[in-house]
Amino acid sequence: MMDPELLRRLHDLAGTNLQELAGASIAGELPLTNALVNRLIAERLAASGPVQAVQVDALEDDTFSAQVSLRAKLIPNVRIVGRIEEQPEPHRPVLGIRWSMPGLGPLGMLAGSALAFLKALPHGLRAEDDRILVDVAELLRSQGLGDLLPHIRKVQVHTRSGAFLVRFEVRV
């Protein structure tokens, strides 16, 4: 979820040889507002694909909702609720999100297979039944930021009303 442009700017500031900053340690919390996340999603969806729009709303306690509009007008807008259940670890840099479709009753059980045909997830995102797995390492590599990986000690994503909070620690 981290803004790729911000990461690119930090990378450009340090240069390609991060060893020049040996001994540096940076820890922080980067709030990514709903507006920023929705703008980034809209930019990614500008290309053709089955998903026309996604509006994300970060809620309290590591939860968020997403209103998904598909290009196929036969399928109504879908509201998905996600809960962050697994944080990335050094040995497994994956953020695990369990999703559901409240209010659909028994139809919600079929949603996983119905949405699986979309295959519109970018590199680093994988859907497995009622879970979405975000491979942080793959996302960074796909943005040309793979050389940062050996320096990342910790990344966690949490939510509060109106923002996703990316907590990180980087050491050189």
C-alpha atoms as a PDB file:
ATOM      1  CA  MET A   1       0.000   0.000   0.000  1.00  0.00           C
ATOM      2  CA  MET A   2       2.938   2.333   0.297  1.00  0.00           C
ATOM      3  CA  ASP A   3       2.967   5.093  -2.301  1.00  0.00           C
ATOM      4  CA  PRO A   4       5.425   3.914  -4.983  1.00  0.00           C
ATOM      5  CA  GLU A   5       6.289   7.494  -5.940  1.00  0.00           C
ATOM      6  CA  LEU A   6       7.373   8.337  -2.388  1.00  0.00           C
ATOM      7  CA  LEU A   7       9.543   5.224  -2.255  1.00  0.00           C
ATOM      8  CA  ARG A   8      11.075   6.152  -5.595  1.00  0.00           C
ATOM      9  CA  ARG A   9      11.877   9.657  -4.329  1.00  0.00           C
ATOM     10  CA  LEU A  10      13.535   8.288  -1.177  1.00  0.00           C
ATOM     11  CA  HIS A  11      15.500   5.859  -3.317  1.00  0.00           C
ATOM     12  CA  ASP A  12      16.597   8.654  -5.679  1.00  0.00           C
ATOM     13  CA  LEU A  13      17.693  10.775  -2.719  1.00  0.00           C
ATOM     14  CA  ALA A  14      19.920   7.999  -1.355  1.00  0.00           C
ATOM     15  CA  GLY A  15      21.189   6.990  -4.773  1.00  0.00           C
ATOM     16  CA  THR A  16      21.647   3.462  -5.961  1.00  0.00           C
ATOM     17  CA  ASN A  17      24.434   2.679  -3.479  1.00  0.00           C
ATOM     18  CA  LEU A  18      22.641   2.530  -0.155  1.00  0.00           C
ATOM     19  CA  GLN A  19      25.900   1.465   1.524  1.00  0.00           C
ATOM     20  CA  GLU A  20      26.880   5.134   1.414  1.00  0.00           C
ATOM     21  CA  LEU A  21      24.359   5.536   4.238  1.00  0.00           C
ATOM     22  CA  ALA A  22      25.831   2.664   6.296  1.00  0.00           C
ATOM     23  CA  GLY A  23      24.625   2.723   9.889  1.00  0.00           C
ATOM     24  CA  ALA A  24      21.497   4.731   9.136  1.00  0.00           C
ATOM     25  CA  SER A  25      18.216   3.621  10.655  1.00  0.00           C
ATOM     26  CA  ILE A  26      14.842   5.062   9.793  1.00  0.00           C
ATOM     27  CA  ALA A  27      11.588   4.127  11.495  1.00  0.00           C
ATOM     28  CA  GLY A  28       8.279   5.790  11.019  1.00  0.00           C
ATOM     29  CA  GLU A  29       4.607   5.692  10.324  1.00  0.00           C
ATOM     30  CA  LEU A  30       3.262   6.828   6.991  1.00  0.00           C
ATOM     31  CA  PRO A  31      -0.481   7.539   6.947  1.00  0.00           C
ATOM     32  CA  LEU A  32      -1.986   6.859   3.528  1.00  0.00           C
ATOM     33  CA  THR A  33      -5.358   8.597   3.441  1.00  0.00           C
ATOM     34  CA  ASN A  34      -8.401   7.194   1.704  1.00  0.00           C
ATOM     35  CA  ALA A  35      -8.052   9.940  -0.919  1.00  0.00           C
ATOM     36  CA  LEU A  36      -4.451   8.954  -1.711  1.00  0.00           C
ATOM     37  CA  VAL A  37      -5.195   5.218  -1.813  1.00  0.00           C
ATOM     38  CA  ASN A  38      -8.242   5.772  -4.023  1.00  0.00           C
ATOM     39  CA  ARG A  39      -6.244   7.980  -6.407  1.00  0.00           C
ATOM     40  CA  LEU A  40      -3.524   5.324  -6.721  1.00  0.00           C
ATOM     41  CA  ILE A  41      -6.139   2.637  -7.364  1.00  0.00           C
ATOM     42  CA  ALA A  42      -7.864   4.806  -9.983  1.00  0.00           C
ATOM     43  CA  GLU A  43      -4.531   5.315 -11.784  1.00  0.00           C
ATOM     44  CA  ARG A  44      -3.979   1.551 -11.896  1.00  0.00           C
ATOM     45  CA  LEU A  45      -7.512   0.919 -13.142  1.00  0.00           C
ATOM     46  CA  ALA A  46      -7.246   3.461 -15.945  1.00  0.00           C
ATOM     47  CA  ALA A  47      -6.187   0.628 -18.230  1.00  0.00           C
ATOM     48  CA  SER A  48      -8.825  -1.748 -19.483  1.00  0.00           C
ATOM     49  CA  GLY A  49      -9.897  -4.621 -17.300  1.00  0.00           C
ATOM     50  CA  PRO A  50     -13.021  -5.987 -15.688  1.00  0.00           C
ATOM     51  CA  VAL A  51     -12.943  -3.556 -12.730  1.00  0.00           C
ATOM     52  CA  GLN A  52     -14.115  -0.040 -13.526  1.00  0.00           C
ATOM     53  CA  ALA A  53     -13.654   1.570 -10.102  1.00  0.00           C
ATOM     54  CA  VAL A  54     -12.806   0.811  -6.492  1.00  0.00           C
ATOM     55  CA  GLN A  55     -13.514   3.156  -3.588  1.00  0.00           C
ATOM     56  CA  VAL A  56     -11.675   2.175  -0.406  1.00  0.00           C
ATOM     57  CA  ASP A  57     -12.586   3.378   3.075  1.00  0.00           C
ATOM     58  CA  ALA A  58     -10.158   2.610   5.929  1.00  0.00           C
ATOM     59  CA  LEU A  59     -11.976   1.867   9.175  1.00  0.00           C
ATOM     60  CA  GLU A  60     -10.852   1.232  12.761  1.00  0.00           C
ATOM     61  CA  ASP A  61      -9.135  -1.931  14.016  1.00  0.00           C
ATOM     62  CA  ASP A  62      -7.323  -3.079  10.856  1.00  0.00           C
ATOM     63  CA  THR A  63     -10.474  -3.189   8.746  1.00  0.00           C
ATOM     64  CA  PHE A  64     -11.530  -1.436   5.573  1.00  0.00           C
ATOM     65  CA  SER A  65     -14.343  -1.555   3.071  1.00  0.00           C
ATOM     66  CA  ALA A  66     -14.181  -1.361  -0.703  1.00  0.00           C
ATOM     67  CA  GLN A  67     -16.974  -0.547  -3.119  1.00  0.00           C
ATOM     68  CA  VAL A  68     -16.149  -2.328  -6.393  1.00  0.00           C
ATOM     69  CA  SER A  69     -17.767  -1.353  -9.696  1.00  0.00           C
ATOM     70  CA  LEU A  70     -17.330  -3.704 -12.625  1.00  0.00           C
ATOM     71  CA  ARG A  71     -17.395  -2.722 -16.280  1.00  0.00           C
ATOM     72  CA  ALA A  72     -20.003  -5.421 -16.936  1.00  0.00           C
ATOM     73  CA  LYS A  73     -23.224  -3.569 -16.159  1.00  0.00           C
ATOM     74  CA  LEU A  74     -25.067  -6.839 -15.512  1.00  0.00           C
ATOM     75  CA  ILE A  75     -23.199  -7.215 -12.247  1.00  0.00           C
ATOM     76  CA  PRO A  76     -24.156  -4.670  -9.558  1.00  0.00           C
ATOM     77  CA  ASN A  77     -21.622  -2.838  -7.423  1.00  0.00           C
ATOM     78  CA  VAL A  78     -20.146  -5.069  -4.743  1.00  0.00           C
ATOM     79  CA  ARG A  79     -19.220  -4.049  -1.191  1.00  0.00           C
ATOM     80  CA  ILE A  80     -16.279  -5.965   0.221  1.00  0.00           C
ATOM     81  CA  VAL A  81     -15.018  -5.731   3.796  1.00  0.00           C
ATOM     82  CA  GLY A  82     -11.391  -6.613   4.483  1.00  0.00           C
ATOM     83  CA  ARG A  83      -9.606  -7.313   7.746  1.00  0.00           C
ATOM     84  CA  ILE A  84      -5.822  -7.404   8.040  1.00  0.00           C
ATOM     85  CA  GLU A  85      -5.023 -10.695   9.759  1.00  0.00           C
ATOM     86  CA  GLU A  86      -1.353 -11.322   8.998  1.00  0.00           C
ATOM     87  CA  GLN A  87       1.555  -8.893   9.018  1.00  0.00           C
ATOM     88  CA  PRO A  88       4.727  -9.351   6.938  1.00  0.00           C
ATOM     89  CA  GLU A  89       7.650 -11.097   8.639  1.00  0.00           C
ATOM     90  CA  PRO A  90      11.276 -11.194   7.439  1.00  0.00           C
ATOM     91  CA  HIS A  91      10.990 -14.889   6.525  1.00  0.00           C
ATOM     92  CA  ARG A  92       7.569 -14.395   4.874  1.00  0.00           C
ATOM     93  CA  PRO A  93       6.964 -10.817   3.657  1.00  0.00           C
ATOM     94  CA  VAL A  94       3.229 -11.293   3.106  1.00  0.00           C
ATOM     95  CA  LEU A  95       0.331  -9.165   4.321  1.00  0.00           C
ATOM     96  CA  GLY A  96      -2.751 -11.353   4.757  1.00  0.00           C
ATOM     97  CA  ILE A  97      -6.231  -9.895   4.373  1.00  0.00           C
ATOM     98  CA  ARG A  98      -9.453 -11.846   4.911  1.00  0.00           C
ATOM     99  CA  TRP A  99     -12.386 -10.468   2.963  1.00  0.00           C
ATOM    100  CA  SER A 100     -16.144 -10.948   3.114  1.00  0.00           C
ATOM    101  CA  MET A 101     -19.243  -9.576   1.468  1.00  0.00           C
ATOM    102  CA  PRO A 102     -21.638  -8.756   4.321  1.00  0.00           C
ATOM    103  CA  GLY A 103     -25.315  -8.688   3.572  1.00  0.00           C
ATOM    104  CA  LEU A 104     -25.191 -11.284   0.806  1.00  0.00           C
ATOM    105  CA  GLY A 105     -26.071 -14.222   3.043  1.00  0.00           C
ATOM    106  CA  PRO A 106     -25.535 -17.571   1.279  1.00  0.00           C
ATOM    107  CA  LEU A 107     -24.613 -15.760  -1.950  1.00  0.00           C
ATOM    108  CA  GLY A 108     -21.491 -14.483  -0.195  1.00  0.00           C
ATOM    109  CA  MET A 109     -20.164 -18.047  -0.088  1.00  0.00           C
ATOM    110  CA  LEU A 110     -20.236 -18.135  -3.881  1.00  0.00           C
ATOM    111  CA  ALA A 111     -18.555 -14.749  -4.209  1.00  0.00           C
ATOM    112  CA  GLY A 112     -15.022 -16.127  -4.006  1.00  0.00           C
ATOM    113  CA  SER A 113     -15.413 -18.267  -7.070  1.00  0.00           C
ATOM    114  CA  ALA A 114     -17.461 -15.606  -8.838  1.00  0.00           C
ATOM    115  CA  LEU A 115     -14.775 -12.957  -8.289  1.00  0.00           C
ATOM    116  CA  ALA A 116     -11.877 -15.321  -9.017  1.00  0.00           C
ATOM    117  CA  PHE A 117     -12.405 -14.954 -12.774  1.00  0.00           C
ATOM    118  CA  LEU A 118     -11.410 -11.290 -12.565  1.00  0.00           C
ATOM    119  CA  LYS A 119      -7.682 -12.035 -12.377  1.00  0.00           C
ATOM    120  CA  ALA A 120      -7.159  -8.265 -12.305  1.00  0.00           C
ATOM    121  CA  LEU A 121      -4.781  -8.223  -9.370  1.00  0.00           C
ATOM    122  CA  PRO A 122      -1.387  -6.614  -9.986  1.00  0.00           C
ATOM    123  CA  HIS A 123       1.963  -8.347  -9.383  1.00  0.00           C
ATOM    124  CA  GLY A 124       2.382  -9.186  -5.730  1.00  0.00           C
ATOM    125  CA  LEU A 125      -1.324  -9.673  -5.004  1.00  0.00           C
ATOM    126  CA  ARG A 126      -2.874 -13.119  -4.934  1.00  0.00           C
ATOM    127  CA  ALA A 127      -6.419 -14.230  -4.118  1.00  0.00           C
ATOM    128  CA  GLU A 128      -6.966 -17.509  -2.276  1.00  0.00           C
ATOM    129  CA  ASP A 129     -10.573 -18.260  -1.356  1.00  0.00           C
ATOM    130  CA  ASP A 130     -11.592 -15.559   1.134  1.00  0.00           C
ATOM    131  CA  ARG A 131      -8.066 -14.175   1.512  1.00  0.00           C
ATOM    132  CA  ILE A 132      -5.930 -11.743  -0.396  1.00  0.00           C
ATOM    133  CA  LEU A 133      -2.191 -12.122   0.076  1.00  0.00           C
ATOM    134  CA  VAL A 134       0.029  -9.123  -0.576  1.00  0.00           C
ATOM    135  CA  ASP A 135       3.648 -10.080  -1.237  1.00  0.00           C
ATOM    136  CA  VAL A 136       5.460  -6.932  -0.130  1.00  0.00           C
ATOM    137  CA  ALA A 137       8.770  -8.053  -1.632  1.00  0.00           C
ATOM    138  CA  GLU A 138       7.191  -8.714  -5.035  1.00  0.00           C
ATOM    139  CA  LEU A 139       5.387  -5.366  -4.974  1.00  0.00           C
ATOM    140  CA  LEU A 140       8.651  -3.541  -4.306  1.00  0.00           C
ATOM    141  CA  ARG A 141      10.430  -5.494  -7.056  1.00  0.00           C
ATOM    142  CA  SER A 142       7.652  -4.707  -9.540  1.00  0.00           C
ATOM    143  CA  GLN A 143       8.130  -1.003  -8.789  1.00  0.00           C
ATOM    144  CA  GLY A 144      11.891  -1.220  -9.398  1.00  0.00           C
ATOM    145  CA  LEU A 145      12.634  -0.981  -5.669  1.00  0.00           C
ATOM    146  CA  GLY A 146      13.907  -4.494  -5.027  1.00  0.00           C
ATOM    147  CA  ASP A 147      17.292  -3.208  -3.862  1.00  0.00           C
ATOM    148  CA  LEU A 148      15.572  -1.835  -0.742  1.00  0.00           C
ATOM    149  CA  LEU A 149      14.545  -5.324   0.401  1.00  0.00           C
ATOM    150  CA  PRO A 150      17.735  -6.270   2.308  1.00  0.00           C
ATOM    151  CA  HIS A 151      17.390  -3.065   4.341  1.00  0.00           C
ATOM    152  CA  ILE A 152      13.763  -3.397   5.409  1.00  0.00           C
ATOM    153  CA  ARG A 153      13.568  -4.739   8.944  1.00  0.00           C
ATOM    154  CA  LYS A 154       9.872  -4.278   9.562  1.00  0.00           C
ATOM    155  CA  VAL A 155       6.728  -3.310   7.690  1.00  0.00           C
ATOM    156  CA  GLN A 156       3.241  -3.395   9.134  1.00  0.00           C
ATOM    157  CA  VAL A 157      -0.034  -2.065   7.804  1.00  0.00           C
ATOM    158  CA  HIS A 158      -2.807  -1.027  10.167  1.00  0.00           C
ATOM    159  CA  THR A 159      -5.877   1.137   9.771  1.00  0.00           C
ATOM    160  CA  ARG A 160      -7.650   3.952  11.519  1.00  0.00           C
ATOM    161  CA  SER A 161     -10.720   5.764  10.330  1.00  0.00           C
ATOM    162  CA  GLY A 162      -9.776   7.461   7.054  1.00  0.00           C
ATOM    163  CA  ALA A 163      -6.225   6.134   6.630  1.00  0.00           C
ATOM    164  CA  PHE A 164      -3.990   3.114   6.221  1.00  0.00           C
ATOM    165  CA  LEU A 165      -0.950   3.353   8.506  1.00  0.00           C
ATOM    166  CA  VAL A 166       2.287   1.917   7.126  1.00  0.00           C
ATOM    167  CA  ARG A 167       4.753   1.387   9.979  1.00  0.00           C
ATOM    168  CA  PHE A 168       8.278   0.654   8.871  1.00  0.00           C
ATOM    169  CA  GLU A 169      11.872   0.287   9.951  1.00  0.00           C
ATOM    170  CA  VAL A 170      14.742   0.465   7.485  1.00  0.00           C
ATOM    171  CA  ARG A 171      18.435  -0.045   8.315  1.00  0.00           C
ATOM    172  CA  VAL A 172      21.464   0.308   6.107  1.00  0.00           C
END
